[in-house]
Amino acid sequence: MDFPDPLIRGRLRQRYKRFLADIAIENPDGSVREITAHCPNPGAMTGLATPESEVWVSPARNPNRKLKFTWELIRVGEHMVGINTSHPNAIADEAISAGKIPELDGYTSLRREVRYGENSRIDILLAETNRPPCYVEIKNVHLKRDDDLDHGIAEFPDSVTTRGAKHLRELGNMVGTGARAVMLYVVQRNDCDQFRFAEDIDPKYVAEFREARRLGVEAICYACDVSAESIHIVSQLPIDA
């Protein structure tokens, strides 16, 4: 996924009210101004909202939008981390279409946001003649709590997610109908070499995950290379479940 417009570098002043962030950005003439940007992340963002961190924002294309910028990235040590939770579906779509996720290869039809289950929408529905449909639920991952700067552990979730637990139950139900169901965790950072669940944060989600796995739901995790120009899936991470 390439960013459609050049990102603007700044310094985070503060994140507040979950969806707002005050950021100091540099104008073309070298002067600095403070803007309020949309923070597209409802989670706790542990370790990703430290004041004075280097961040990047995207300009709004809609001139009528109240908030003219969206917070996209933050630098943690030597690495960039994507904080926009709306991007993983597009990132996964691109990777699946390019054959970069072997577990999801071999389908000729890919549709997004398809209604299914009890008033739900599946992130991606894959189909191919003479194969069961494949329901792919995608979750954004950005939490990392260890101190290893280059080879740490990505974790999910970073806050309680009752919606995520519901999605696991829906996937289990689809397996019961004869379909294939896959949980895909997209890690918007490349400083981790394994993935695990933050059971101390949301034990109910982890319990639902284990039940979904028992029912036949598959789980895979991929990390991304993140830069101010693009975010692309690059490598698979083992899941410690």
C-alpha atoms as a PDB file:
ATOM      1  CA  MET A   1       0.000   0.000   0.000  1.00  0.00           C
ATOM      2  CA  ASP A   2       1.525   3.275  -1.146  1.00  0.00           C
ATOM      3  CA  PHE A   3       0.494   6.537   0.435  1.00  0.00           C
ATOM      4  CA  PRO A   4      -1.283   8.567  -2.263  1.00  0.00           C
ATOM      5  CA  ASP A   5       0.248  11.863  -1.118  1.00  0.00           C
ATOM      6  CA  PRO A   6       3.594  12.674   0.535  1.00  0.00           C
ATOM      7  CA  LEU A   7       3.434  12.410   4.318  1.00  0.00           C
ATOM      8  CA  ILE A   8       4.393  15.375   6.478  1.00  0.00           C
ATOM      9  CA  ARG A   9       6.842  14.926   9.341  1.00  0.00           C
ATOM     10  CA  GLY A  10       6.166  16.396  12.763  1.00  0.00           C
ATOM     11  CA  ARG A  11       6.511  16.044  16.523  1.00  0.00           C
ATOM     12  CA  LEU A  12       3.745  14.643  18.659  1.00  0.00           C
ATOM     13  CA  ARG A  13       2.633  16.979  21.409  1.00  0.00           C
ATOM     14  CA  GLN A  14      -0.153  14.848  22.848  1.00  0.00           C
ATOM     15  CA  ARG A  15      -2.829  12.302  22.007  1.00  0.00           C
ATOM     16  CA  TYR A  16      -6.152  12.818  23.747  1.00  0.00           C
ATOM     17  CA  LYS A  17      -9.843  11.887  23.614  1.00  0.00           C
ATOM     18  CA  ARG A  18      -8.707   8.727  21.752  1.00  0.00           C
ATOM     19  CA  PHE A  19      -9.144  10.192  18.284  1.00  0.00           C
ATOM     20  CA  LEU A  20      -7.273  13.503  18.507  1.00  0.00           C
ATOM     21  CA  ALA A  21      -3.579  14.355  18.450  1.00  0.00           C
ATOM     22  CA  ASP A  22      -1.805  17.704  18.648  1.00  0.00           C
ATOM     23  CA  ILE A  23       1.242  17.663  16.377  1.00  0.00           C
ATOM     24  CA  ALA A  24       3.836  20.279  15.466  1.00  0.00           C
ATOM     25  CA  ILE A  25       4.632  20.204  11.739  1.00  0.00           C
ATOM     26  CA  GLU A  26       7.086  22.156   9.636  1.00  0.00           C
ATOM     27  CA  ASN A  27       5.752  24.496   6.965  1.00  0.00           C
ATOM     28  CA  PRO A  28       7.444  24.741   3.528  1.00  0.00           C
ATOM     29  CA  ASP A  29       9.109  27.995   4.634  1.00  0.00           C
ATOM     30  CA  GLY A  30      10.694  26.286   7.637  1.00  0.00           C
ATOM     31  CA  SER A  31       8.368  27.715  10.264  1.00  0.00           C
ATOM     32  CA  VAL A  32       6.566  25.403  12.673  1.00  0.00           C
ATOM     33  CA  ARG A  33       2.866  25.291  13.396  1.00  0.00           C
ATOM     34  CA  GLU A  34       0.714  23.076  15.588  1.00  0.00           C
ATOM     35  CA  ILE A  35      -2.202  21.200  14.087  1.00  0.00           C
ATOM     36  CA  THR A  36      -4.839  18.868  15.499  1.00  0.00           C
ATOM     37  CA  ALA A  37      -4.883  15.606  13.554  1.00  0.00           C
ATOM     38  CA  HIS A  38      -7.318  12.706  13.489  1.00  0.00           C
ATOM     39  CA  CYS A  39      -5.910   9.709  15.360  1.00  0.00           C
ATOM     40  CA  PRO A  40      -7.366   6.671  13.529  1.00  0.00           C
ATOM     41  CA  ASN A  41      -6.785   4.254  16.373  1.00  0.00           C
ATOM     42  CA  PRO A  42      -9.281   3.441  19.157  1.00  0.00           C
ATOM     43  CA  GLY A  43      -6.827   1.315  21.167  1.00  0.00           C
ATOM     44  CA  ALA A  44      -4.578   2.074  24.103  1.00  0.00           C
ATOM     45  CA  MET A  45      -1.563   2.704  21.804  1.00  0.00           C
ATOM     46  CA  THR A  46       0.818   1.646  24.572  1.00  0.00           C
ATOM     47  CA  GLY A  47       4.318   2.909  23.768  1.00  0.00           C
ATOM     48  CA  LEU A  48       3.107   4.702  20.639  1.00  0.00           C
ATOM     49  CA  ALA A  49       1.982   8.073  21.972  1.00  0.00           C
ATOM     50  CA  THR A  50       5.067   9.420  23.741  1.00  0.00           C
ATOM     51  CA  PRO A  51       5.186  13.242  23.533  1.00  0.00           C
ATOM     52  CA  GLU A  52       7.892  14.669  21.257  1.00  0.00           C
ATOM     53  CA  SER A  53       8.102  11.446  19.227  1.00  0.00           C
ATOM     54  CA  GLU A  54       8.747  11.837  15.506  1.00  0.00           C
ATOM     55  CA  VAL A  55       5.491  11.232  13.629  1.00  0.00           C
ATOM     56  CA  TRP A  56       4.063  11.526  10.112  1.00  0.00           C
ATOM     57  CA  VAL A  57       0.645  12.764   9.036  1.00  0.00           C
ATOM     58  CA  SER A  58      -1.243  12.598   5.749  1.00  0.00           C
ATOM     59  CA  PRO A  59      -3.120  15.607   4.345  1.00  0.00           C
ATOM     60  CA  ALA A  60      -6.870  15.277   3.866  1.00  0.00           C
ATOM     61  CA  ARG A  61      -8.013  15.179   0.243  1.00  0.00           C
ATOM     62  CA  ASN A  62     -11.482  16.419   1.150  1.00  0.00           C
ATOM     63  CA  PRO A  63     -11.256  20.214   1.551  1.00  0.00           C
ATOM     64  CA  ASN A  64     -14.422  20.197   3.645  1.00  0.00           C
ATOM     65  CA  ARG A  65     -13.114  17.830   6.283  1.00  0.00           C
ATOM     66  CA  LYS A  66     -12.895  19.409   9.729  1.00  0.00           C
ATOM     67  CA  LEU A  67      -9.540  17.820  10.616  1.00  0.00           C
ATOM     68  CA  LYS A  68      -7.144  18.458   7.737  1.00  0.00           C
ATOM     69  CA  PHE A  69      -4.580  15.802   8.710  1.00  0.00           C
ATOM     70  CA  THR A  70      -4.506  12.139   9.754  1.00  0.00           C
ATOM     71  CA  TRP A  71      -1.793  10.678  11.965  1.00  0.00           C
ATOM     72  CA  GLU A  72      -0.215   7.727  10.125  1.00  0.00           C
ATOM     73  CA  LEU A  73       3.194   6.746  11.550  1.00  0.00           C
ATOM     74  CA  ILE A  74       5.438   7.094  14.581  1.00  0.00           C
ATOM     75  CA  ARG A  75       9.137   6.357  14.963  1.00  0.00           C
ATOM     76  CA  VAL A  76      10.085   3.997  17.796  1.00  0.00           C
ATOM     77  CA  GLY A  77      13.859   3.696  18.077  1.00  0.00           C
ATOM     78  CA  GLU A  78      15.118   3.046  14.546  1.00  0.00           C
ATOM     79  CA  HIS A  79      11.815   1.657  13.308  1.00  0.00           C
ATOM     80  CA  MET A  80       8.602   3.094  11.911  1.00  0.00           C
ATOM     81  CA  VAL A  81       5.234   1.894  13.200  1.00  0.00           C
ATOM     82  CA  GLY A  82       1.890   2.321  11.453  1.00  0.00           C
ATOM     83  CA  ILE A  83      -0.869   3.408  13.837  1.00  0.00           C
ATOM     84  CA  ASN A  84      -3.760   3.755  11.372  1.00  0.00           C
ATOM     85  CA  THR A  85      -6.069   0.796  12.007  1.00  0.00           C
ATOM     86  CA  SER A  86      -7.965   1.385   8.758  1.00  0.00           C
ATOM     87  CA  HIS A  87      -4.996   0.333   6.586  1.00  0.00           C
ATOM     88  CA  PRO A  88      -4.543  -3.427   7.257  1.00  0.00           C
ATOM     89  CA  ASN A  89      -7.430  -4.466   4.992  1.00  0.00           C
ATOM     90  CA  ALA A  90      -5.866  -2.672   2.016  1.00  0.00           C
ATOM     91  CA  ILE A  91      -2.417  -3.966   2.959  1.00  0.00           C
ATOM     92  CA  ALA A  92      -3.740  -7.539   3.072  1.00  0.00           C
ATOM     93  CA  ASP A  93      -5.740  -7.144  -0.150  1.00  0.00           C
ATOM     94  CA  GLU A  94      -2.596  -6.029  -1.973  1.00  0.00           C
ATOM     95  CA  ALA A  95      -0.483  -8.854  -0.514  1.00  0.00           C
ATOM     96  CA  ILE A  96      -3.040 -11.568  -1.283  1.00  0.00           C
ATOM     97  CA  SER A  97      -3.490 -10.311  -4.847  1.00  0.00           C
ATOM     98  CA  ALA A  98       0.290 -10.300  -5.325  1.00  0.00           C
ATOM     99  CA  GLY A  99       0.650 -13.861  -3.996  1.00  0.00           C
ATOM    100  CA  LYS A 100       2.677 -12.788  -0.949  1.00  0.00           C
ATOM    101  CA  ILE A 101       0.543 -14.767   1.501  1.00  0.00           C
ATOM    102  CA  PRO A 102       0.849 -18.408   0.340  1.00  0.00           C
ATOM    103  CA  GLU A 103      -1.826 -19.617   2.768  1.00  0.00           C
ATOM    104  CA  LEU A 104      -4.379 -17.490   0.916  1.00  0.00           C
ATOM    105  CA  ASP A 105      -3.188 -18.142  -2.635  1.00  0.00           C
ATOM    106  CA  GLY A 106      -5.160 -19.877  -5.373  1.00  0.00           C
ATOM    107  CA  TYR A 107      -8.419 -17.911  -5.327  1.00  0.00           C
ATOM    108  CA  THR A 108      -9.669 -16.005  -8.357  1.00  0.00           C
ATOM    109  CA  SER A 109     -12.242 -13.840  -6.575  1.00  0.00           C
ATOM    110  CA  LEU A 110     -11.542 -11.384  -3.755  1.00  0.00           C
ATOM    111  CA  ARG A 111     -14.307  -9.248  -2.272  1.00  0.00           C
ATOM    112  CA  ARG A 112     -14.162  -6.919   0.707  1.00  0.00           C
ATOM    113  CA  GLU A 113     -16.716  -6.033   3.368  1.00  0.00           C
ATOM    114  CA  VAL A 114     -19.185  -8.817   2.509  1.00  0.00           C
ATOM    115  CA  ARG A 115     -22.152  -9.290   4.823  1.00  0.00           C
ATOM    116  CA  TYR A 116     -22.286 -12.590   6.707  1.00  0.00           C
ATOM    117  CA  GLY A 117     -23.251 -14.113  10.040  1.00  0.00           C
ATOM    118  CA  GLU A 118     -25.194 -12.042  12.554  1.00  0.00           C
ATOM    119  CA  ASN A 119     -25.060  -8.500  11.221  1.00  0.00           C
ATOM    120  CA  SER A 120     -21.332  -8.728  10.468  1.00  0.00           C
ATOM    121  CA  ARG A 121     -19.108  -7.971   7.509  1.00  0.00           C
ATOM    122  CA  ILE A 122     -16.135 -10.141   6.642  1.00  0.00           C
ATOM    123  CA  ASP A 123     -13.001  -8.167   5.770  1.00  0.00           C
ATOM    124  CA  ILE A 124     -12.124 -10.335   2.777  1.00  0.00           C
ATOM    125  CA  LEU A 125     -14.053 -13.171   1.129  1.00  0.00           C
ATOM    126  CA  LEU A 126     -12.047 -15.371  -1.225  1.00  0.00           C
ATOM    127  CA  ALA A 127     -13.695 -17.703  -3.717  1.00  0.00           C
ATOM    128  CA  GLU A 128     -12.663 -20.216  -6.348  1.00  0.00           C
ATOM    129  CA  THR A 129     -14.625 -22.803  -8.327  1.00  0.00           C
ATOM    130  CA  ASN A 130     -14.717 -26.220  -6.638  1.00  0.00           C
ATOM    131  CA  ARG A 131     -13.272 -24.846  -3.370  1.00  0.00           C
ATOM    132  CA  PRO A 132     -15.080 -23.791  -0.197  1.00  0.00           C
ATOM    133  CA  PRO A 133     -15.296 -20.014   0.269  1.00  0.00           C
ATOM    134  CA  CYS A 134     -12.598 -18.562   2.513  1.00  0.00           C
ATOM    135  CA  TYR A 135     -13.578 -15.954   5.114  1.00  0.00           C
ATOM    136  CA  VAL A 136     -10.634 -13.793   6.174  1.00  0.00           C
ATOM    137  CA  GLU A 137     -10.899 -11.568   9.243  1.00  0.00           C
ATOM    138  CA  ILE A 138      -8.042  -9.053   9.587  1.00  0.00           C
ATOM    139  CA  LYS A 139      -6.770  -7.477  12.787  1.00  0.00           C
ATOM    140  CA  ASN A 140      -4.278  -4.656  13.125  1.00  0.00           C
ATOM    141  CA  VAL A 141      -1.318  -5.293  15.443  1.00  0.00           C
ATOM    142  CA  HIS A 142       1.019  -2.604  16.751  1.00  0.00           C
ATOM    143  CA  LEU A 143       1.611  -3.467  20.423  1.00  0.00           C
ATOM    144  CA  LYS A 144       5.171  -4.348  21.501  1.00  0.00           C
ATOM    145  CA  ARG A 145       6.030  -4.262  25.218  1.00  0.00           C
ATOM    146  CA  ASP A 146       9.483  -5.849  25.448  1.00  0.00           C
ATOM    147  CA  ASP A 147      12.750  -3.899  25.420  1.00  0.00           C
ATOM    148  CA  ASP A 148      14.388  -5.594  22.429  1.00  0.00           C
ATOM    149  CA  LEU A 149      14.877  -2.814  19.888  1.00  0.00           C
ATOM    150  CA  ASP A 150      15.080  -5.035  16.807  1.00  0.00           C
ATOM    151  CA  HIS A 151      13.737  -8.533  17.560  1.00  0.00           C
ATOM    152  CA  GLY A 152      10.768  -8.319  19.884  1.00  0.00           C
ATOM    153  CA  ILE A 153       7.312  -9.785  20.313  1.00  0.00           C
ATOM    154  CA  ALA A 154       4.208  -8.318  18.700  1.00  0.00           C
ATOM    155  CA  GLU A 155       1.048  -8.669  20.792  1.00  0.00           C
ATOM    156  CA  PHE A 156      -2.705  -8.433  20.298  1.00  0.00           C
ATOM    157  CA  PRO A 157      -4.935  -6.891  21.496  1.00  0.00           C
ATOM    158  CA  ASP A 158      -3.755  -3.682  23.148  1.00  0.00           C
ATOM    159  CA  SER A 159      -7.168  -3.146  24.783  1.00  0.00           C
ATOM    160  CA  VAL A 160     -10.317  -5.170  25.442  1.00  0.00           C
ATOM    161  CA  THR A 161     -12.057  -6.025  22.162  1.00  0.00           C
ATOM    162  CA  THR A 162     -15.543  -7.482  22.482  1.00  0.00           C
ATOM    163  CA  ARG A 163     -15.994  -6.909  18.739  1.00  0.00           C
ATOM    164  CA  GLY A 164     -12.913  -9.018  18.042  1.00  0.00           C
ATOM    165  CA  ALA A 165     -14.295 -11.836  20.193  1.00  0.00           C
ATOM    166  CA  LYS A 166     -17.556 -11.701  18.244  1.00  0.00           C
ATOM    167  CA  HIS A 167     -15.647 -12.038  14.975  1.00  0.00           C
ATOM    168  CA  LEU A 168     -13.946 -15.189  16.245  1.00  0.00           C
ATOM    169  CA  ARG A 169     -17.321 -16.731  17.065  1.00  0.00           C
ATOM    170  CA  GLU A 170     -18.612 -15.789  13.610  1.00  0.00           C
ATOM    171  CA  LEU A 171     -15.622 -17.454  11.962  1.00  0.00           C
ATOM    172  CA  GLY A 172     -16.172 -20.606  13.994  1.00  0.00           C
ATOM    173  CA  ASN A 173     -19.772 -20.668  12.808  1.00  0.00           C
ATOM    174  CA  MET A 174     -18.651 -20.406   9.173  1.00  0.00           C
ATOM    175  CA  VAL A 175     -16.347 -23.390   9.584  1.00  0.00           C
ATOM    176  CA  GLY A 176     -19.414 -25.267  10.799  1.00  0.00           C
ATOM    177  CA  THR A 177     -21.117 -24.576   7.466  1.00  0.00           C
ATOM    178  CA  GLY A 178     -18.224 -26.111   5.538  1.00  0.00           C
ATOM    179  CA  ALA A 179     -16.413 -22.869   4.714  1.00  0.00           C
ATOM    180  CA  ARG A 180     -12.792 -22.054   5.411  1.00  0.00           C
ATOM    181  CA  ALA A 181     -12.101 -19.301   7.975  1.00  0.00           C
ATOM    182  CA  VAL A 182      -8.801 -17.517   8.627  1.00  0.00           C
ATOM    183  CA  MET A 183      -7.695 -14.938  11.189  1.00  0.00           C
ATOM    184  CA  LEU A 184      -4.985 -12.753   9.669  1.00  0.00           C
ATOM    185  CA  TYR A 185      -3.002 -10.546  12.053  1.00  0.00           C
ATOM    186  CA  VAL A 186      -1.197  -7.704  10.258  1.00  0.00           C
ATOM    187  CA  VAL A 187       1.696  -6.240  12.257  1.00  0.00           C
ATOM    188  CA  GLN A 188       2.338  -2.656  11.151  1.00  0.00           C
ATOM    189  CA  ARG A 189       5.971  -2.740  12.257  1.00  0.00           C
ATOM    190  CA  ASN A 190       9.072  -4.750  11.397  1.00  0.00           C
ATOM    191  CA  ASP A 191      10.956  -4.925  14.706  1.00  0.00           C
ATOM    192  CA  CYS A 192       9.362  -8.183  15.890  1.00  0.00           C
ATOM    193  CA  ASP A 193      10.101 -11.801  15.096  1.00  0.00           C
ATOM    194  CA  GLN A 194       7.159 -13.509  16.805  1.00  0.00           C
ATOM    195  CA  PHE A 195       3.551 -12.887  17.751  1.00  0.00           C
ATOM    196  CA  ARG A 196       1.573 -13.719  20.877  1.00  0.00           C
ATOM    197  CA  PHE A 197      -1.691 -12.780  22.567  1.00  0.00           C
ATOM    198  CA  ALA A 198      -1.841 -10.229  25.377  1.00  0.00           C
ATOM    199  CA  GLU A 199      -3.813 -12.478  27.692  1.00  0.00           C
ATOM    200  CA  ASP A 200      -3.332 -10.091  30.611  1.00  0.00           C
ATOM    201  CA  ILE A 201      -5.124  -7.362  28.670  1.00  0.00           C
ATOM    202  CA  ASP A 202      -8.078  -9.367  27.315  1.00  0.00           C
ATOM    203  CA  PRO A 203      -8.329 -12.957  28.594  1.00  0.00           C
ATOM    204  CA  LYS A 204     -11.814 -13.345  27.108  1.00  0.00           C
ATOM    205  CA  TYR A 205     -10.502 -12.690  23.606  1.00  0.00           C
ATOM    206  CA  VAL A 206      -7.780 -15.291  24.061  1.00  0.00           C
ATOM    207  CA  ALA A 207     -10.332 -17.828  25.306  1.00  0.00           C
ATOM    208  CA  GLU A 208     -12.477 -17.157  22.225  1.00  0.00           C
ATOM    209  CA  PHE A 209      -9.420 -17.550  19.995  1.00  0.00           C
ATOM    210  CA  ARG A 210      -8.612 -20.952  21.452  1.00  0.00           C
ATOM    211  CA  GLU A 211     -12.201 -22.074  21.005  1.00  0.00           C
ATOM    212  CA  ALA A 212     -12.197 -20.825  17.414  1.00  0.00           C
ATOM    213  CA  ARG A 213      -9.000 -22.757  16.725  1.00  0.00           C
ATOM    214  CA  ARG A 214     -10.601 -25.875  18.212  1.00  0.00           C
ATOM    215  CA  LEU A 215     -13.472 -25.435  15.754  1.00  0.00           C
ATOM    216  CA  GLY A 216     -11.066 -25.233  12.822  1.00  0.00           C
ATOM    217  CA  VAL A 217     -10.420 -21.516  12.357  1.00  0.00           C
ATOM    218  CA  GLU A 218      -6.907 -20.948  10.991  1.00  0.00           C
ATOM    219  CA  ALA A 219      -4.575 -18.180  12.174  1.00  0.00           C
ATOM    220  CA  ILE A 220      -1.618 -16.528  10.443  1.00  0.00           C
ATOM    221  CA  CYS A 221       0.451 -13.434  11.186  1.00  0.00           C
ATOM    222  CA  TYR A 222       2.510 -11.231   8.876  1.00  0.00           C
ATOM    223  CA  ALA A 223       4.763  -8.253   9.608  1.00  0.00           C
ATOM    224  CA  CYS A 224       5.125  -5.171   7.441  1.00  0.00           C
ATOM    225  CA  ASP A 225       7.897  -2.964   6.204  1.00  0.00           C
ATOM    226  CA  VAL A 226       6.788   0.557   7.131  1.00  0.00           C
ATOM    227  CA  SER A 227       8.139   3.769   5.623  1.00  0.00           C
ATOM    228  CA  ALA A 228       6.924   7.291   4.927  1.00  0.00           C
ATOM    229  CA  GLU A 229       6.195   6.172   1.363  1.00  0.00           C
ATOM    230  CA  SER A 230       4.429   2.833   1.832  1.00  0.00           C
ATOM    231  CA  ILE A 231       3.439  -0.101   4.029  1.00  0.00           C
ATOM    232  CA  HIS A 232       3.873  -3.605   2.625  1.00  0.00           C
ATOM    233  CA  ILE A 233       3.705  -7.128   4.055  1.00  0.00           C
ATOM    234  CA  VAL A 234       7.181  -8.661   4.040  1.00  0.00           C
ATOM    235  CA  SER A 235       7.454 -11.654   6.380  1.00  0.00           C
ATOM    236  CA  GLN A 236       5.497 -14.205   8.360  1.00  0.00           C
ATOM    237  CA  LEU A 237       5.716 -14.316  12.146  1.00  0.00           C
ATOM    238  CA  PRO A 238       5.222 -17.506  14.169  1.00  0.00           C
ATOM    239  CA  ILE A 239       2.241 -17.418  16.517  1.00  0.00           C
ATOM    240  CA  ASP A 240       2.804 -18.370  20.152  1.00  0.00           C
ATOM    241  CA  ALA A 241      -0.681 -19.423  21.169  1.00  0.00           C
END
